[in-house]
Every structure is written in C-alpha cells, then in structure tokens.
Amino acid sequence: MRTVSSSIGSESESLLTCSKFHFEEKVLEKLVRLEHKVEIYEETIKKFENLFVSIAVTAYVSSAQTFSGGVVKFPTVYLNLGIKDIETFKTSEKFVCEFSGLYYISSHLRTKTQNNAFYVKKNGVYIAFSATDDENHYSTNPISAVVELHLHDTLHVQASSINIDSTYSCLSIVKIK
C-alpha cells in the first residue's frame, strides 16, 4: 500500500508542477498582452494631446540683408507659442517640427529687387513659389502654404539674389490641426 500512495503522491506533485508552470505561462502571456495594450493607449493619448498643442511663431528680419540663393533669416522672434527649441530656429534659420500636424506658413518679404523669386521649402523640397514684380519700387511680396509636417520635418524661406528690407519682412508658422 505504501507504494501505491507514493506513486499517487508523485503523480499529484507532477501534476501540480505542470499546472503551476502552465499557470505562470498564462500569466506571462496576459502580462505581455497588457503591456502591448498600454503601449497602444499611450500612443493614442500622445496623438490626442498633439491635437490640442498650440504652436505658433512670428519672426522678423532684423536688418536689411542681401541673400544670394540662401535661406532667409528671421532671427527677431515676436511671438513664440509652444516651440521648445526656439534658439535652433533663430540660429539655423529653419523651423523644425516638434509636433506632427497640419501647419500654415506665411511670409512677406519687402524688397526693391526686381524680377526675383523666393520659395518655401519643406525638407529641402519646394512647396510654394513667389516673385517680385518688375517695377523699381518697394513692394511687399507674400507667399504662403498649408503643409502636413511630421516630427523633425523642416520649413524655411529661400530667396534668390535679393535685397530684403527689415521693415515689413516677416515669417509666421501656425499649427492649425
């Protein structure tokens, strides 16, 4: 009789060990699924928060400048709303997107230079064009675009050989959605 009870006891221990392992495995699987769901919820919350982030900048040309096919500098910031790294904007002459979304960019360049073009570029690609007229007088020339930006995308205004007056020359970028 003793042998029978020990064999039953060892079977029962074996079943308990197997059952315990199976239970731990199921708990681990559930934990992994739960972690995945939490990651998805965190991404959803981040996207939702991005909808309500206000981003806006208005900056001016600080002094009359001549540009020869380069990026137009707008170092004098009048308004900065929500841009964490405004110093990069001032020094690199490019707006770097910190929050994905739909943006409106508008620039007005006052110049007396005739028949010259200027552009808005996203990540180095032309997205909007404008040009000065052929009259020999000061004119303020607008350029604007609506563009979808993702994290770290860049926007900037580029001009051909043009003399830009600091008065009335500005750039505004606003996150609209």
N, C-alpha and C. Protein backbone atom coordinates (compact mmCIF):
# COMPACT_ATOMS: atom_id res chain seq x y z
N MET A 1 0.79 -1.20 0.00
CA MET A 1 0.00 0.00 0.00
C MET A 1 0.84 1.27 0.00
N ARG A 2 1.90 1.10 0.59
CA ARG A 2 2.78 2.25 0.65
C ARG A 2 3.24 2.66 -0.74
N THR A 3 3.53 1.76 -1.60
CA THR A 3 3.98 2.05 -2.94
C THR A 3 2.89 2.79 -3.73
N VAL A 4 1.69 2.37 -3.55
CA VAL A 4 0.59 2.99 -4.28
C VAL A 4 0.44 4.45 -3.87
N SER A 5 0.48 4.70 -2.58
CA SER A 5 0.31 6.08 -2.15
C SER A 5 1.47 6.96 -2.60
N SER A 6 2.69 6.41 -2.62
CA SER A 6 3.80 7.22 -3.08
C SER A 6 3.70 7.48 -4.57
N SER A 7 3.23 6.52 -5.36
CA SER A 7 3.08 6.77 -6.78
C SER A 7 1.96 7.78 -7.02
N ILE A 8 0.92 7.71 -6.25
CA ILE A 8 -0.15 8.70 -6.38
C ILE A 8 0.38 10.07 -5.96
N GLY A 9 1.14 10.11 -4.89
CA GLY A 9 1.74 11.37 -4.43
C GLY A 9 2.66 11.96 -5.47
N SER A 10 3.50 11.16 -6.11
CA SER A 10 4.42 11.69 -7.12
C SER A 10 3.67 12.14 -8.36
N GLU A 11 2.60 11.44 -8.72
CA GLU A 11 1.78 11.90 -9.86
C GLU A 11 1.13 13.24 -9.53
N SER A 12 0.64 13.34 -8.32
CA SER A 12 -0.01 14.57 -7.92
C SER A 12 1.00 15.73 -7.88
N GLU A 13 2.23 15.47 -7.40
CA GLU A 13 3.27 16.50 -7.42
C GLU A 13 3.62 16.89 -8.85
N SER A 14 3.68 15.91 -9.72
CA SER A 14 3.97 16.16 -11.13
C SER A 14 2.88 17.02 -11.75
N LEU A 15 1.64 16.70 -11.44
CA LEU A 15 0.52 17.49 -11.97
C LEU A 15 0.55 18.91 -11.42
N LEU A 16 0.87 19.05 -10.14
CA LEU A 16 0.95 20.39 -9.55
C LEU A 16 2.06 21.21 -10.19
N THR A 17 3.21 20.59 -10.42
CA THR A 17 4.32 21.28 -11.05
C THR A 17 3.94 21.70 -12.46
N CYS A 18 3.34 20.80 -13.20
CA CYS A 18 2.90 21.11 -14.57
C CYS A 18 1.85 22.20 -14.55
N SER A 19 0.91 22.09 -13.63
CA SER A 19 -0.15 23.07 -13.53
C SER A 19 0.41 24.44 -13.14
N LYS A 20 1.37 24.45 -12.22
CA LYS A 20 1.99 25.70 -11.79
C LYS A 20 2.73 26.36 -12.96
N PHE A 21 3.48 25.57 -13.72
CA PHE A 21 4.19 26.08 -14.89
C PHE A 21 3.20 26.64 -15.92
N HIS A 22 2.13 25.90 -16.17
CA HIS A 22 1.11 26.33 -17.13
C HIS A 22 0.48 27.65 -16.67
N PHE A 23 0.18 27.75 -15.37
CA PHE A 23 -0.41 28.96 -14.81
C PHE A 23 0.53 30.16 -14.99
N GLU A 24 1.81 29.98 -14.66
CA GLU A 24 2.78 31.06 -14.81
C GLU A 24 2.93 31.49 -16.26
N GLU A 25 2.88 30.51 -17.15
CA GLU A 25 2.97 30.80 -18.58
C GLU A 25 1.78 31.64 -19.03
N LYS A 26 0.59 31.29 -18.58
CA LYS A 26 -0.61 32.04 -18.94
C LYS A 26 -0.56 33.47 -18.37
N VAL A 27 -0.08 33.60 -17.13
CA VAL A 27 0.04 34.93 -16.52
C VAL A 27 1.03 35.78 -17.32
N LEU A 28 2.14 35.19 -17.72
CA LEU A 28 3.13 35.92 -18.53
C LEU A 28 2.54 36.36 -19.86
N GLU A 29 1.80 35.48 -20.52
CA GLU A 29 1.16 35.84 -21.79
C GLU A 29 0.21 37.02 -21.60
N LYS A 30 -0.58 36.97 -20.54
CA LYS A 30 -1.52 38.06 -20.27
C LYS A 30 -0.77 39.36 -19.97
N LEU A 31 0.33 39.26 -19.25
CA LEU A 31 1.14 40.44 -18.94
C LEU A 31 1.71 41.07 -20.21
N VAL A 32 2.19 40.25 -21.12
CA VAL A 32 2.74 40.75 -22.39
C VAL A 32 1.64 41.44 -23.19
N ARG A 33 0.45 40.82 -23.25
CA ARG A 33 -0.67 41.44 -23.97
C ARG A 33 -1.08 42.76 -23.32
N LEU A 34 -1.07 42.79 -22.00
CA LEU A 34 -1.42 44.01 -21.28
C LEU A 34 -0.40 45.12 -21.56
N GLU A 35 0.89 44.80 -21.56
CA GLU A 35 1.92 45.78 -21.87
C GLU A 35 1.74 46.34 -23.28
N HIS A 36 1.38 45.47 -24.22
CA HIS A 36 1.15 45.91 -25.61
C HIS A 36 -0.03 46.87 -25.67
N LYS A 37 -1.11 46.54 -24.95
CA LYS A 37 -2.27 47.43 -24.93
C LYS A 37 -1.92 48.78 -24.31
N VAL A 38 -1.12 48.77 -23.25
CA VAL A 38 -0.71 50.03 -22.61
C VAL A 38 0.09 50.88 -23.59
N GLU A 39 0.99 50.26 -24.36
CA GLU A 39 1.76 50.99 -25.37
C GLU A 39 0.84 51.62 -26.40
N ILE A 40 -0.16 50.87 -26.86
CA ILE A 40 -1.12 51.40 -27.84
C ILE A 40 -1.89 52.57 -27.24
N TYR A 41 -2.35 52.44 -25.99
CA TYR A 41 -3.07 53.53 -25.33
C TYR A 41 -2.19 54.76 -25.16
N GLU A 42 -0.92 54.56 -24.82
CA GLU A 42 0.00 55.69 -24.67
C GLU A 42 0.19 56.42 -25.99
N GLU A 43 0.32 55.67 -27.09
CA GLU A 43 0.44 56.29 -28.42
C GLU A 43 -0.82 57.06 -28.76
N THR A 44 -1.98 56.49 -28.47
CA THR A 44 -3.25 57.16 -28.74
C THR A 44 -3.37 58.44 -27.93
N ILE A 45 -2.99 58.39 -26.67
CA ILE A 45 -3.04 59.58 -25.81
C ILE A 45 -2.10 60.65 -26.35
N LYS A 46 -0.91 60.25 -26.78
CA LYS A 46 0.06 61.21 -27.33
C LYS A 46 -0.51 61.89 -28.58
N LYS A 47 -1.13 61.10 -29.47
CA LYS A 47 -1.75 61.68 -30.67
C LYS A 47 -2.87 62.64 -30.28
N PHE A 48 -3.67 62.25 -29.30
CA PHE A 48 -4.77 63.09 -28.85
C PHE A 48 -4.23 64.40 -28.26
N GLU A 49 -3.18 64.31 -27.44
CA GLU A 49 -2.58 65.51 -26.86
C GLU A 49 -2.03 66.42 -27.95
N ASN A 50 -1.44 65.85 -29.00
CA ASN A 50 -0.89 66.64 -30.10
C ASN A 50 -1.96 67.47 -30.79
N LEU A 51 -3.21 66.99 -30.77
CA LEU A 51 -4.30 67.75 -31.39
C LEU A 51 -4.52 69.08 -30.67
N PHE A 52 -4.21 69.14 -29.39
CA PHE A 52 -4.50 70.33 -28.61
C PHE A 52 -3.28 71.16 -28.28
N VAL A 53 -2.14 70.82 -28.86
CA VAL A 53 -0.92 71.59 -28.64
C VAL A 53 -0.96 72.82 -29.54
N SER A 54 -0.76 73.98 -28.96
CA SER A 54 -0.73 75.22 -29.74
C SER A 54 0.72 75.53 -30.11
N ILE A 55 0.96 75.67 -31.41
CA ILE A 55 2.29 76.00 -31.91
C ILE A 55 2.15 77.22 -32.82
N ALA A 56 2.93 78.25 -32.56
CA ALA A 56 2.93 79.43 -33.42
C ALA A 56 4.23 80.19 -33.24
N VAL A 57 4.70 80.74 -34.33
CA VAL A 57 5.88 81.60 -34.27
C VAL A 57 5.72 82.70 -35.31
N THR A 58 6.07 83.91 -34.92
CA THR A 58 6.18 85.02 -35.85
C THR A 58 7.54 85.65 -35.60
N ALA A 59 8.29 85.83 -36.68
CA ALA A 59 9.64 86.37 -36.57
C ALA A 59 9.89 87.35 -37.71
N TYR A 60 10.84 88.23 -37.49
CA TYR A 60 11.14 89.29 -38.45
C TYR A 60 12.60 89.24 -38.88
N VAL A 61 12.86 89.82 -40.05
CA VAL A 61 14.23 90.05 -40.49
C VAL A 61 14.75 91.20 -39.63
N SER A 62 15.89 91.02 -38.99
CA SER A 62 16.35 92.01 -38.02
C SER A 62 16.96 93.25 -38.66
N SER A 63 17.54 93.10 -39.84
CA SER A 63 18.11 94.26 -40.54
C SER A 63 18.09 93.95 -42.03
N ALA A 64 18.23 95.00 -42.83
CA ALA A 64 18.24 94.79 -44.28
C ALA A 64 19.36 93.82 -44.64
N GLN A 65 19.05 92.86 -45.49
CA GLN A 65 20.02 91.82 -45.85
C GLN A 65 19.94 91.50 -47.32
N THR A 66 21.05 91.10 -47.87
CA THR A 66 21.08 90.60 -49.24
C THR A 66 21.32 89.10 -49.18
N PHE A 67 20.47 88.36 -49.87
CA PHE A 67 20.59 86.91 -49.91
C PHE A 67 20.94 86.48 -51.32
N SER A 68 21.87 85.58 -51.42
CA SER A 68 22.27 85.05 -52.72
C SER A 68 21.94 83.56 -52.78
N GLY A 69 20.68 83.28 -52.99
CA GLY A 69 20.26 81.88 -53.10
C GLY A 69 20.28 81.13 -51.79
N GLY A 70 20.15 81.84 -50.69
CA GLY A 70 20.21 81.17 -49.39
C GLY A 70 18.94 81.26 -48.60
N VAL A 71 19.00 80.69 -47.42
CA VAL A 71 17.86 80.69 -46.51
C VAL A 71 17.72 82.08 -45.91
N VAL A 72 16.50 82.61 -45.92
CA VAL A 72 16.22 83.92 -45.34
C VAL A 72 16.19 83.78 -43.82
N LYS A 73 16.91 84.66 -43.15
CA LYS A 73 16.99 84.60 -41.69
C LYS A 73 15.92 85.50 -41.06
N PHE A 74 15.23 84.94 -40.08
CA PHE A 74 14.23 85.68 -39.31
C PHE A 74 14.58 85.56 -37.82
N PRO A 75 15.65 86.21 -37.37
CA PRO A 75 16.15 85.99 -36.01
C PRO A 75 15.40 86.73 -34.90
N THR A 76 14.62 87.75 -35.25
CA THR A 76 13.91 88.50 -34.23
C THR A 76 12.52 87.89 -34.03
N VAL A 77 12.36 87.16 -32.95
CA VAL A 77 11.10 86.45 -32.69
C VAL A 77 10.16 87.37 -31.93
N TYR A 78 9.00 87.62 -32.53
CA TYR A 78 7.98 88.44 -31.90
C TYR A 78 7.06 87.58 -31.04
N LEU A 79 6.69 86.41 -31.54
CA LEU A 79 5.80 85.51 -30.81
C LEU A 79 6.35 84.09 -30.89
N ASN A 80 6.42 83.44 -29.76
CA ASN A 80 6.77 82.02 -29.70
C ASN A 80 5.77 81.35 -28.78
N LEU A 81 4.95 80.49 -29.36
CA LEU A 81 3.95 79.79 -28.58
C LEU A 81 4.17 78.29 -28.76
N GLY A 82 4.67 77.64 -27.74
CA GLY A 82 4.79 76.18 -27.76
C GLY A 82 6.04 75.60 -28.39
N ILE A 83 6.93 76.42 -28.92
CA ILE A 83 8.16 75.89 -29.52
C ILE A 83 9.21 75.82 -28.42
N LYS A 84 9.64 74.60 -28.13
CA LYS A 84 10.59 74.39 -27.03
C LYS A 84 11.99 74.87 -27.38
N ASP A 85 12.41 74.62 -28.61
CA ASP A 85 13.79 74.93 -29.00
C ASP A 85 13.81 76.10 -29.98
N ILE A 86 13.43 77.28 -29.50
CA ILE A 86 13.37 78.46 -30.37
C ILE A 86 14.77 78.91 -30.79
N GLU A 87 15.78 78.61 -30.01
CA GLU A 87 17.15 79.00 -30.36
C GLU A 87 17.61 78.33 -31.65
N THR A 88 17.21 77.08 -31.85
CA THR A 88 17.55 76.39 -33.10
C THR A 88 16.93 77.11 -34.28
N PHE A 89 15.69 77.57 -34.12
CA PHE A 89 15.02 78.32 -35.18
C PHE A 89 15.79 79.60 -35.48
N LYS A 90 16.21 80.31 -34.46
CA LYS A 90 16.92 81.58 -34.65
C LYS A 90 18.28 81.37 -35.33
N THR A 91 18.98 80.32 -34.98
CA THR A 91 20.33 80.13 -35.50
C THR A 91 20.39 79.33 -36.79
N SER A 92 19.49 78.38 -36.97
CA SER A 92 19.55 77.54 -38.18
C SER A 92 18.74 78.14 -39.32
N GLU A 93 17.92 79.13 -39.01
CA GLU A 93 17.03 79.77 -39.98
C GLU A 93 15.94 78.83 -40.48
N LYS A 94 15.78 77.68 -39.84
CA LYS A 94 14.77 76.71 -40.26
C LYS A 94 13.86 76.38 -39.08
N PHE A 95 12.58 76.22 -39.39
CA PHE A 95 11.61 75.76 -38.40
C PHE A 95 11.69 74.24 -38.38
N VAL A 96 11.91 73.66 -37.20
CA VAL A 96 11.97 72.21 -37.05
C VAL A 96 10.71 71.78 -36.30
N CYS A 97 9.94 70.88 -36.91
CA CYS A 97 8.67 70.45 -36.34
C CYS A 97 8.89 69.62 -35.08
N GLU A 98 8.25 70.05 -33.99
CA GLU A 98 8.31 69.31 -32.73
C GLU A 98 7.04 68.52 -32.48
N PHE A 99 5.94 68.87 -33.17
CA PHE A 99 4.66 68.19 -33.04
C PHE A 99 4.05 68.00 -34.42
N SER A 100 3.78 66.78 -34.80
CA SER A 100 3.19 66.49 -36.11
C SER A 100 1.82 67.15 -36.22
N GLY A 101 1.48 67.53 -37.45
CA GLY A 101 0.17 68.12 -37.68
C GLY A 101 0.13 68.91 -38.97
N LEU A 102 -0.97 69.64 -39.14
CA LEU A 102 -1.18 70.48 -40.31
C LEU A 102 -0.77 71.90 -39.94
N TYR A 103 0.10 72.51 -40.75
CA TYR A 103 0.65 73.83 -40.46
C TYR A 103 0.36 74.80 -41.60
N TYR A 104 0.24 76.07 -41.22
CA TYR A 104 0.11 77.16 -42.19
C TYR A 104 1.38 78.01 -42.06
N ILE A 105 2.04 78.25 -43.18
CA ILE A 105 3.24 79.09 -43.20
C ILE A 105 2.96 80.28 -44.11
N SER A 106 3.34 81.45 -43.64
CA SER A 106 3.14 82.67 -44.41
C SER A 106 4.36 83.56 -44.22
N SER A 107 4.82 84.13 -45.32
CA SER A 107 5.94 85.05 -45.25
C SER A 107 5.67 86.24 -46.16
N HIS A 108 6.13 87.38 -45.71
CA HIS A 108 6.05 88.61 -46.50
C HIS A 108 7.45 89.20 -46.56
N LEU A 109 7.93 89.38 -47.77
CA LEU A 109 9.27 89.94 -47.96
C LEU A 109 9.16 91.28 -48.66
N ARG A 110 9.68 92.32 -48.02
CA ARG A 110 9.66 93.66 -48.62
C ARG A 110 11.00 93.89 -49.29
N THR A 111 10.93 94.23 -50.56
CA THR A 111 12.16 94.40 -51.33
C THR A 111 11.95 95.39 -52.46
N LYS A 112 13.06 95.89 -52.95
CA LYS A 112 13.05 96.75 -54.13
C LYS A 112 13.68 96.00 -55.30
N THR A 113 14.20 94.81 -55.02
CA THR A 113 14.82 93.99 -56.06
C THR A 113 13.75 93.55 -57.06
N GLN A 114 14.07 93.70 -58.33
CA GLN A 114 13.10 93.39 -59.38
C GLN A 114 13.28 91.97 -59.91
N ASN A 115 12.17 91.37 -60.32
CA ASN A 115 12.16 90.07 -61.02
C ASN A 115 12.97 88.98 -60.31
N ASN A 116 12.74 88.82 -59.04
CA ASN A 116 13.43 87.76 -58.30
C ASN A 116 12.42 86.84 -57.63
N ALA A 117 12.82 85.60 -57.47
CA ALA A 117 11.93 84.60 -56.89
C ALA A 117 12.34 84.26 -55.46
N PHE A 118 11.37 83.79 -54.71
CA PHE A 118 11.64 83.21 -53.40
C PHE A 118 10.66 82.08 -53.17
N TYR A 119 10.99 81.21 -52.23
CA TYR A 119 10.30 79.93 -52.11
C TYR A 119 10.12 79.54 -50.65
N VAL A 120 9.14 78.68 -50.42
CA VAL A 120 9.03 77.96 -49.15
C VAL A 120 9.45 76.53 -49.45
N LYS A 121 10.32 75.99 -48.59
CA LYS A 121 10.78 74.62 -48.77
C LYS A 121 10.46 73.78 -47.53
N LYS A 122 10.02 72.56 -47.80
CA LYS A 122 9.81 71.57 -46.73
C LYS A 122 10.85 70.48 -46.94
N ASN A 123 11.70 70.27 -45.96
CA ASN A 123 12.76 69.25 -46.05
C ASN A 123 13.57 69.40 -47.34
N GLY A 124 13.79 70.66 -47.75
CA GLY A 124 14.61 70.93 -48.92
C GLY A 124 13.87 70.86 -50.25
N VAL A 125 12.56 70.58 -50.22
CA VAL A 125 11.76 70.46 -51.45
C VAL A 125 10.84 71.67 -51.55
N TYR A 126 10.78 72.28 -52.74
CA TYR A 126 9.93 73.45 -52.97
C TYR A 126 8.46 73.08 -52.79
N ILE A 127 7.73 73.90 -52.00
CA ILE A 127 6.29 73.67 -51.86
C ILE A 127 5.47 74.91 -52.20
N ALA A 128 6.13 76.09 -52.28
CA ALA A 128 5.42 77.31 -52.66
C ALA A 128 6.43 78.28 -53.30
N PHE A 129 5.93 79.07 -54.24
CA PHE A 129 6.78 79.98 -55.00
C PHE A 129 6.15 81.37 -55.02
N SER A 130 6.99 82.38 -55.11
CA SER A 130 6.51 83.74 -55.31
C SER A 130 7.63 84.52 -55.98
N ALA A 131 7.29 85.70 -56.46
CA ALA A 131 8.30 86.51 -57.15
C ALA A 131 7.99 87.99 -56.97
N THR A 132 9.03 88.78 -57.11
CA THR A 132 8.86 90.23 -57.06
C THR A 132 8.45 90.71 -58.45
N ASP A 133 7.87 91.90 -58.48
CA ASP A 133 7.47 92.43 -59.80
C ASP A 133 8.65 93.10 -60.49
N ASP A 134 8.39 93.66 -61.66
CA ASP A 134 9.49 94.25 -62.44
C ASP A 134 9.56 95.77 -62.30
N GLU A 135 8.85 96.31 -61.32
CA GLU A 135 8.87 97.76 -61.08
C GLU A 135 10.02 98.13 -60.15
N ASN A 136 10.53 99.34 -60.29
CA ASN A 136 11.64 99.81 -59.46
C ASN A 136 11.10 100.58 -58.26
N HIS A 137 10.42 99.86 -57.36
CA HIS A 137 9.91 100.45 -56.12
C HIS A 137 9.79 99.34 -55.07
N TYR A 138 9.66 99.76 -53.83
CA TYR A 138 9.50 98.76 -52.77
C TYR A 138 8.13 98.09 -52.90
N SER A 139 8.12 96.80 -52.70
CA SER A 139 6.86 96.06 -52.66
C SER A 139 6.99 94.96 -51.61
N THR A 140 5.87 94.65 -50.99
CA THR A 140 5.84 93.56 -50.02
C THR A 140 5.20 92.37 -50.71
N ASN A 141 5.95 91.29 -50.80
CA ASN A 141 5.55 90.13 -51.59
C ASN A 141 5.19 88.96 -50.68
N PRO A 142 3.95 88.49 -50.76
CA PRO A 142 3.53 87.40 -49.88
C PRO A 142 3.79 86.02 -50.49
N ILE A 143 3.93 85.05 -49.62
CA ILE A 143 4.00 83.65 -50.02
C ILE A 143 3.42 82.85 -48.85
N SER A 144 2.62 81.84 -49.16
CA SER A 144 2.03 81.04 -48.09
C SER A 144 1.74 79.63 -48.58
N ALA A 145 1.58 78.73 -47.62
CA ALA A 145 1.27 77.34 -47.94
C ALA A 145 0.70 76.66 -46.70
N VAL A 146 -0.09 75.64 -46.94
CA VAL A 146 -0.55 74.74 -45.89
C VAL A 146 0.15 73.43 -46.14
N VAL A 147 0.74 72.87 -45.08
CA VAL A 147 1.57 71.68 -45.26
C VAL A 147 1.45 70.76 -44.05
N GLU A 148 1.46 69.47 -44.33
CA GLU A 148 1.48 68.49 -43.24
C GLU A 148 2.93 68.24 -42.84
N LEU A 149 3.19 68.37 -41.54
CA LEU A 149 4.54 68.16 -41.03
C LEU A 149 4.56 67.00 -40.05
N HIS A 150 5.66 66.28 -40.08
CA HIS A 150 5.91 65.20 -39.13
C HIS A 150 7.10 65.60 -38.27
N LEU A 151 7.29 64.88 -37.20
CA LEU A 151 8.37 65.16 -36.26
C LEU A 151 9.70 65.31 -37.00
N HIS A 152 10.40 66.40 -36.75
CA HIS A 152 11.72 66.75 -37.30
C HIS A 152 11.69 67.21 -38.76
N ASP A 153 10.52 67.36 -39.38
CA ASP A 153 10.46 67.98 -40.71
C ASP A 153 10.90 69.44 -40.55
N THR A 154 11.41 70.02 -41.64
CA THR A 154 11.85 71.41 -41.59
C THR A 154 11.11 72.26 -42.62
N LEU A 155 10.94 73.53 -42.29
CA LEU A 155 10.38 74.54 -43.20
C LEU A 155 11.31 75.74 -43.18
N HIS A 156 11.49 76.34 -44.36
CA HIS A 156 12.24 77.59 -44.41
C HIS A 156 11.90 78.35 -45.68
N VAL A 157 12.24 79.64 -45.66
CA VAL A 157 12.06 80.50 -46.83
C VAL A 157 13.43 80.67 -47.47
N GLN A 158 13.47 80.50 -48.78
CA GLN A 158 14.72 80.66 -49.52
C GLN A 158 14.51 81.71 -50.60
N ALA A 159 15.51 82.53 -50.80
CA ALA A 159 15.41 83.59 -51.81
C ALA A 159 16.58 83.49 -52.77
N SER A 160 16.32 83.91 -54.00
CA SER A 160 17.43 84.03 -54.95
C SER A 160 18.18 85.31 -54.59
N SER A 161 18.95 85.85 -55.46
CA SER A 161 19.72 87.06 -55.15
C SER A 161 18.75 88.23 -54.95
N ILE A 162 18.54 88.57 -53.69
CA ILE A 162 17.52 89.56 -53.37
C ILE A 162 17.94 90.36 -52.14
N ASN A 163 17.63 91.66 -52.16
CA ASN A 163 17.88 92.51 -51.01
C ASN A 163 16.56 92.67 -50.26
N ILE A 164 16.52 92.17 -49.03
CA ILE A 164 15.29 92.20 -48.25
C ILE A 164 15.38 93.28 -47.19
N ASP A 165 14.36 94.13 -47.17
CA ASP A 165 14.27 95.20 -46.19
C ASP A 165 13.72 94.62 -44.88
N SER A 166 14.26 95.07 -43.76
CA SER A 166 13.81 94.53 -42.47
C SER A 166 12.39 94.97 -42.12
N THR A 167 12.02 96.16 -42.55
CA THR A 167 10.68 96.64 -42.28
C THR A 167 9.67 95.85 -43.11
N TYR A 168 8.68 95.30 -42.46
CA TYR A 168 7.59 94.56 -43.11
C TYR A 168 7.99 93.19 -43.66
N SER A 169 9.15 92.68 -43.34
CA SER A 169 9.55 91.34 -43.79
C SER A 169 9.45 90.39 -42.61
N CYS A 170 8.54 89.43 -42.72
CA CYS A 170 8.31 88.55 -41.58
C CYS A 170 7.92 87.14 -42.02
N LEU A 171 7.88 86.26 -41.05
CA LEU A 171 7.51 84.87 -41.26
C LEU A 171 6.60 84.45 -40.11
N SER A 172 5.51 83.77 -40.43
CA SER A 172 4.63 83.21 -39.40
C SER A 172 4.35 81.75 -39.74
N ILE A 173 4.39 80.91 -38.71
CA ILE A 173 4.07 79.50 -38.86
C ILE A 173 3.12 79.14 -37.72
N VAL A 174 2.00 78.50 -38.07
CA VAL A 174 0.98 78.16 -37.08
C VAL A 174 0.52 76.73 -37.29
N LYS A 175 0.43 75.97 -36.22
CA LYS A 175 -0.14 74.62 -36.29
C LYS A 175 -1.66 74.78 -36.24
N ILE A 176 -2.34 74.33 -37.29
CA ILE A 176 -3.79 74.52 -37.35
C ILE A 176 -4.56 73.26 -37.01
N LYS A 177 -3.88 72.13 -37.02
CA LYS A 177 -4.57 70.88 -36.66
C LYS A 177 -3.56 69.84 -36.26
